[in-house]
Amino acid sequence: MGMSGGPRVVVVDGDQAHDVFEVLGITDGVARVRSPLMFEIGEELTVRVERDGTTTEMVARVRAHIGLPDARITELELSA
């Protein structure tokens, strides 16, 4: 078995995928991520969540931004 690189959350835009998130963790349907991009609170994104060898397409709603501006963490609420 290979080493897992941890979960990934990739934004899906039509037939393109954009790897713009550094995933800090996914717990109880909420992904905590860092991104150079600033998303609006309430914005919904189509994402592909890759973890434990499984890929699932989901909707991620931007729930909150926490932390200082130079170390901002974005919370994404995930739903199938």
N, C-alpha and C. Protein backbone atom coordinates (compact mmCIF):
# COMPACT_ATOMS: atom_id res chain seq x y z
N MET A 1 0.85 -1.19 0.00
CA MET A 1 0.00 0.00 0.00
C MET A 1 0.89 1.24 0.00
N GLY A 2 0.50 2.22 -0.85
CA GLY A 2 1.25 3.46 -0.90
C GLY A 2 0.82 4.39 0.22
N MET A 3 1.61 5.39 0.46
CA MET A 3 1.27 6.38 1.48
C MET A 3 0.21 7.32 0.92
N SER A 4 -0.77 7.64 1.73
CA SER A 4 -1.80 8.57 1.32
C SER A 4 -1.27 9.98 1.51
N GLY A 5 -1.55 10.85 0.54
CA GLY A 5 -1.13 12.23 0.65
C GLY A 5 -2.12 13.06 1.44
N GLY A 6 -3.11 12.42 2.04
CA GLY A 6 -4.15 13.16 2.76
C GLY A 6 -5.25 13.57 1.80
N PRO A 7 -6.33 14.11 2.35
CA PRO A 7 -7.46 14.47 1.49
C PRO A 7 -7.14 15.65 0.59
N ARG A 8 -7.80 15.68 -0.57
CA ARG A 8 -7.69 16.81 -1.50
C ARG A 8 -9.09 17.30 -1.80
N VAL A 9 -9.23 18.60 -1.99
CA VAL A 9 -10.48 19.21 -2.44
C VAL A 9 -10.13 20.02 -3.67
N VAL A 10 -10.71 19.65 -4.81
CA VAL A 10 -10.41 20.27 -6.09
C VAL A 10 -11.69 20.92 -6.63
N VAL A 11 -11.59 22.20 -7.04
CA VAL A 11 -12.75 22.90 -7.60
C VAL A 11 -12.97 22.42 -9.03
N VAL A 12 -14.22 22.04 -9.34
CA VAL A 12 -14.58 21.57 -10.67
C VAL A 12 -15.31 22.69 -11.40
N ASP A 13 -14.81 23.02 -12.59
CA ASP A 13 -15.40 24.09 -13.41
C ASP A 13 -15.57 23.54 -14.81
N GLY A 14 -16.76 23.00 -15.10
CA GLY A 14 -16.98 22.35 -16.39
C GLY A 14 -16.10 21.13 -16.50
N ASP A 15 -15.24 21.10 -17.53
CA ASP A 15 -14.36 19.93 -17.70
C ASP A 15 -12.97 20.21 -17.14
N GLN A 16 -12.82 21.31 -16.39
CA GLN A 16 -11.53 21.63 -15.78
C GLN A 16 -11.59 21.44 -14.28
N ALA A 17 -10.44 21.09 -13.70
CA ALA A 17 -10.33 20.97 -12.25
C ALA A 17 -9.21 21.90 -11.79
N HIS A 18 -9.45 22.63 -10.71
CA HIS A 18 -8.48 23.59 -10.19
C HIS A 18 -8.09 23.21 -8.77
N ASP A 19 -6.81 22.92 -8.60
CA ASP A 19 -6.29 22.52 -7.30
C ASP A 19 -5.85 23.78 -6.56
N VAL A 20 -6.80 24.47 -5.91
CA VAL A 20 -6.52 25.77 -5.30
C VAL A 20 -6.56 25.72 -3.77
N PHE A 21 -6.77 24.54 -3.19
CA PHE A 21 -6.88 24.44 -1.74
C PHE A 21 -5.77 23.60 -1.15
N GLU A 22 -5.25 24.05 -0.03
CA GLU A 22 -4.41 23.23 0.84
C GLU A 22 -5.35 22.76 1.94
N VAL A 23 -5.63 21.45 1.98
CA VAL A 23 -6.60 20.92 2.95
C VAL A 23 -5.91 20.70 4.29
N LEU A 24 -6.45 21.34 5.32
CA LEU A 24 -5.92 21.17 6.68
C LEU A 24 -6.62 20.02 7.37
N GLY A 25 -7.89 19.79 7.01
CA GLY A 25 -8.63 18.68 7.59
C GLY A 25 -10.08 18.71 7.16
N ILE A 26 -10.72 17.55 7.23
CA ILE A 26 -12.15 17.44 6.95
C ILE A 26 -12.77 16.70 8.12
N THR A 27 -13.70 17.36 8.81
CA THR A 27 -14.35 16.78 9.97
C THR A 27 -15.83 17.11 9.93
N ASP A 28 -16.68 16.12 10.14
CA ASP A 28 -18.14 16.33 10.23
C ASP A 28 -18.68 17.15 9.06
N GLY A 29 -18.22 16.85 7.84
CA GLY A 29 -18.75 17.52 6.66
C GLY A 29 -18.26 18.94 6.46
N VAL A 30 -17.23 19.33 7.20
CA VAL A 30 -16.64 20.67 7.03
C VAL A 30 -15.16 20.51 6.69
N ALA A 31 -14.77 21.08 5.55
CA ALA A 31 -13.36 21.08 5.18
C ALA A 31 -12.74 22.40 5.60
N ARG A 32 -11.60 22.33 6.26
CA ARG A 32 -10.85 23.54 6.60
C ARG A 32 -9.68 23.60 5.63
N VAL A 33 -9.63 24.69 4.86
CA VAL A 33 -8.65 24.80 3.78
C VAL A 33 -7.98 26.16 3.79
N ARG A 34 -6.83 26.22 3.15
CA ARG A 34 -6.18 27.50 2.85
C ARG A 34 -6.18 27.63 1.33
N SER A 35 -6.31 28.87 0.85
CA SER A 35 -6.31 29.11 -0.58
C SER A 35 -5.79 30.51 -0.86
N PRO A 36 -5.06 30.68 -1.96
CA PRO A 36 -4.65 32.03 -2.35
C PRO A 36 -5.84 32.84 -2.86
N LEU A 37 -6.93 32.17 -3.19
CA LEU A 37 -8.13 32.84 -3.70
C LEU A 37 -9.07 33.16 -2.55
N MET A 38 -9.81 34.26 -2.68
CA MET A 38 -10.77 34.65 -1.65
C MET A 38 -12.17 34.38 -2.19
N PHE A 39 -12.90 33.52 -1.53
CA PHE A 39 -14.25 33.18 -1.94
C PHE A 39 -15.23 33.92 -1.04
N GLU A 40 -16.41 34.24 -1.58
CA GLU A 40 -17.45 34.95 -0.82
C GLU A 40 -18.11 34.01 0.17
N ILE A 41 -18.46 34.53 1.35
CA ILE A 41 -19.25 33.75 2.31
C ILE A 41 -20.57 33.42 1.63
N GLY A 42 -20.99 32.16 1.70
CA GLY A 42 -22.23 31.73 1.07
C GLY A 42 -22.05 31.25 -0.36
N GLU A 43 -20.90 31.51 -0.96
CA GLU A 43 -20.64 31.06 -2.33
C GLU A 43 -20.63 29.53 -2.36
N GLU A 44 -21.21 28.97 -3.43
CA GLU A 44 -21.23 27.51 -3.59
C GLU A 44 -20.34 27.11 -4.75
N LEU A 45 -19.53 26.12 -4.51
CA LEU A 45 -18.58 25.61 -5.51
C LEU A 45 -18.83 24.13 -5.71
N THR A 46 -18.69 23.67 -6.95
CA THR A 46 -18.69 22.23 -7.19
C THR A 46 -17.27 21.76 -6.98
N VAL A 47 -17.11 20.77 -6.13
CA VAL A 47 -15.77 20.27 -5.81
C VAL A 47 -15.72 18.76 -5.94
N ARG A 48 -14.49 18.28 -6.08
CA ARG A 48 -14.23 16.84 -6.05
C ARG A 48 -13.40 16.61 -4.80
N VAL A 49 -13.90 15.76 -3.92
CA VAL A 49 -13.20 15.45 -2.68
C VAL A 49 -12.54 14.09 -2.85
N GLU A 50 -11.22 14.07 -2.70
CA GLU A 50 -10.46 12.82 -2.84
C GLU A 50 -9.89 12.48 -1.48
N ARG A 51 -10.31 11.35 -0.92
CA ARG A 51 -9.73 10.89 0.35
C ARG A 51 -9.94 9.40 0.49
N ASP A 52 -8.98 8.76 1.12
CA ASP A 52 -9.00 7.32 1.37
C ASP A 52 -9.27 6.53 0.09
N GLY A 53 -8.69 6.99 -1.03
CA GLY A 53 -8.83 6.27 -2.29
C GLY A 53 -10.18 6.45 -2.97
N THR A 54 -11.04 7.30 -2.42
CA THR A 54 -12.38 7.51 -2.98
C THR A 54 -12.50 8.95 -3.45
N THR A 55 -13.13 9.14 -4.61
CA THR A 55 -13.37 10.48 -5.14
C THR A 55 -14.87 10.72 -5.19
N THR A 56 -15.32 11.81 -4.58
CA THR A 56 -16.74 12.13 -4.54
C THR A 56 -16.94 13.56 -5.01
N GLU A 57 -17.91 13.76 -5.92
CA GLU A 57 -18.24 15.12 -6.34
C GLU A 57 -19.28 15.66 -5.37
N MET A 58 -19.06 16.87 -4.88
CA MET A 58 -19.93 17.46 -3.86
C MET A 58 -20.10 18.95 -4.13
N VAL A 59 -21.00 19.55 -3.35
CA VAL A 59 -21.14 21.00 -3.34
C VAL A 59 -20.49 21.49 -2.05
N ALA A 60 -19.66 22.51 -2.18
CA ALA A 60 -19.01 23.12 -1.02
C ALA A 60 -19.53 24.54 -0.89
N ARG A 61 -20.11 24.85 0.27
CA ARG A 61 -20.59 26.21 0.53
C ARG A 61 -19.60 26.87 1.49
N VAL A 62 -19.15 28.06 1.11
CA VAL A 62 -18.19 28.78 1.94
C VAL A 62 -18.93 29.26 3.19
N ARG A 63 -18.52 28.74 4.35
CA ARG A 63 -19.20 28.98 5.60
C ARG A 63 -18.57 30.13 6.39
N ALA A 64 -17.25 30.21 6.38
CA ALA A 64 -16.58 31.23 7.19
C ALA A 64 -15.12 31.34 6.78
N HIS A 65 -14.54 32.48 7.13
CA HIS A 65 -13.09 32.69 7.04
C HIS A 65 -12.64 32.97 8.46
N ILE A 66 -11.64 32.24 8.94
CA ILE A 66 -11.18 32.44 10.30
C ILE A 66 -9.67 32.68 10.29
N GLY A 67 -9.19 33.32 11.31
CA GLY A 67 -7.76 33.56 11.42
C GLY A 67 -7.36 34.91 10.85
N LEU A 68 -6.07 35.19 10.91
CA LEU A 68 -5.53 36.45 10.42
C LEU A 68 -5.45 36.45 8.90
N PRO A 69 -5.49 37.63 8.28
CA PRO A 69 -5.48 37.70 6.81
C PRO A 69 -4.33 36.94 6.15
N ASP A 70 -3.15 36.94 6.76
CA ASP A 70 -2.01 36.24 6.13
C ASP A 70 -1.97 34.75 6.47
N ALA A 71 -2.91 34.29 7.30
CA ALA A 71 -2.98 32.86 7.64
C ALA A 71 -4.44 32.43 7.67
N ARG A 72 -5.22 32.99 6.75
CA ARG A 72 -6.66 32.77 6.72
C ARG A 72 -7.00 31.32 6.43
N ILE A 73 -7.96 30.79 7.20
CA ILE A 73 -8.49 29.45 6.97
C ILE A 73 -9.94 29.62 6.53
N THR A 74 -10.29 28.94 5.46
CA THR A 74 -11.66 28.99 4.94
C THR A 74 -12.35 27.69 5.32
N GLU A 75 -13.58 27.81 5.84
CA GLU A 75 -14.37 26.62 6.16
C GLU A 75 -15.38 26.40 5.04
N LEU A 76 -15.36 25.19 4.51
CA LEU A 76 -16.29 24.79 3.44
C LEU A 76 -17.22 23.73 3.99
N GLU A 77 -18.51 23.98 3.88
CA GLU A 77 -19.51 23.01 4.30
C GLU A 77 -19.80 22.11 3.10
N LEU A 78 -19.55 20.80 3.24
CA LEU A 78 -19.68 19.87 2.13
C LEU A 78 -21.02 19.15 2.16
N SER A 79 -21.65 19.04 1.00
CA SER A 79 -22.89 18.26 0.91
C SER A 79 -22.93 17.54 -0.43
N ALA A 80 -23.53 16.35 -0.40
CA ALA A 80 -23.56 15.49 -1.60
C ALA A 80 -24.49 16.07 -2.65
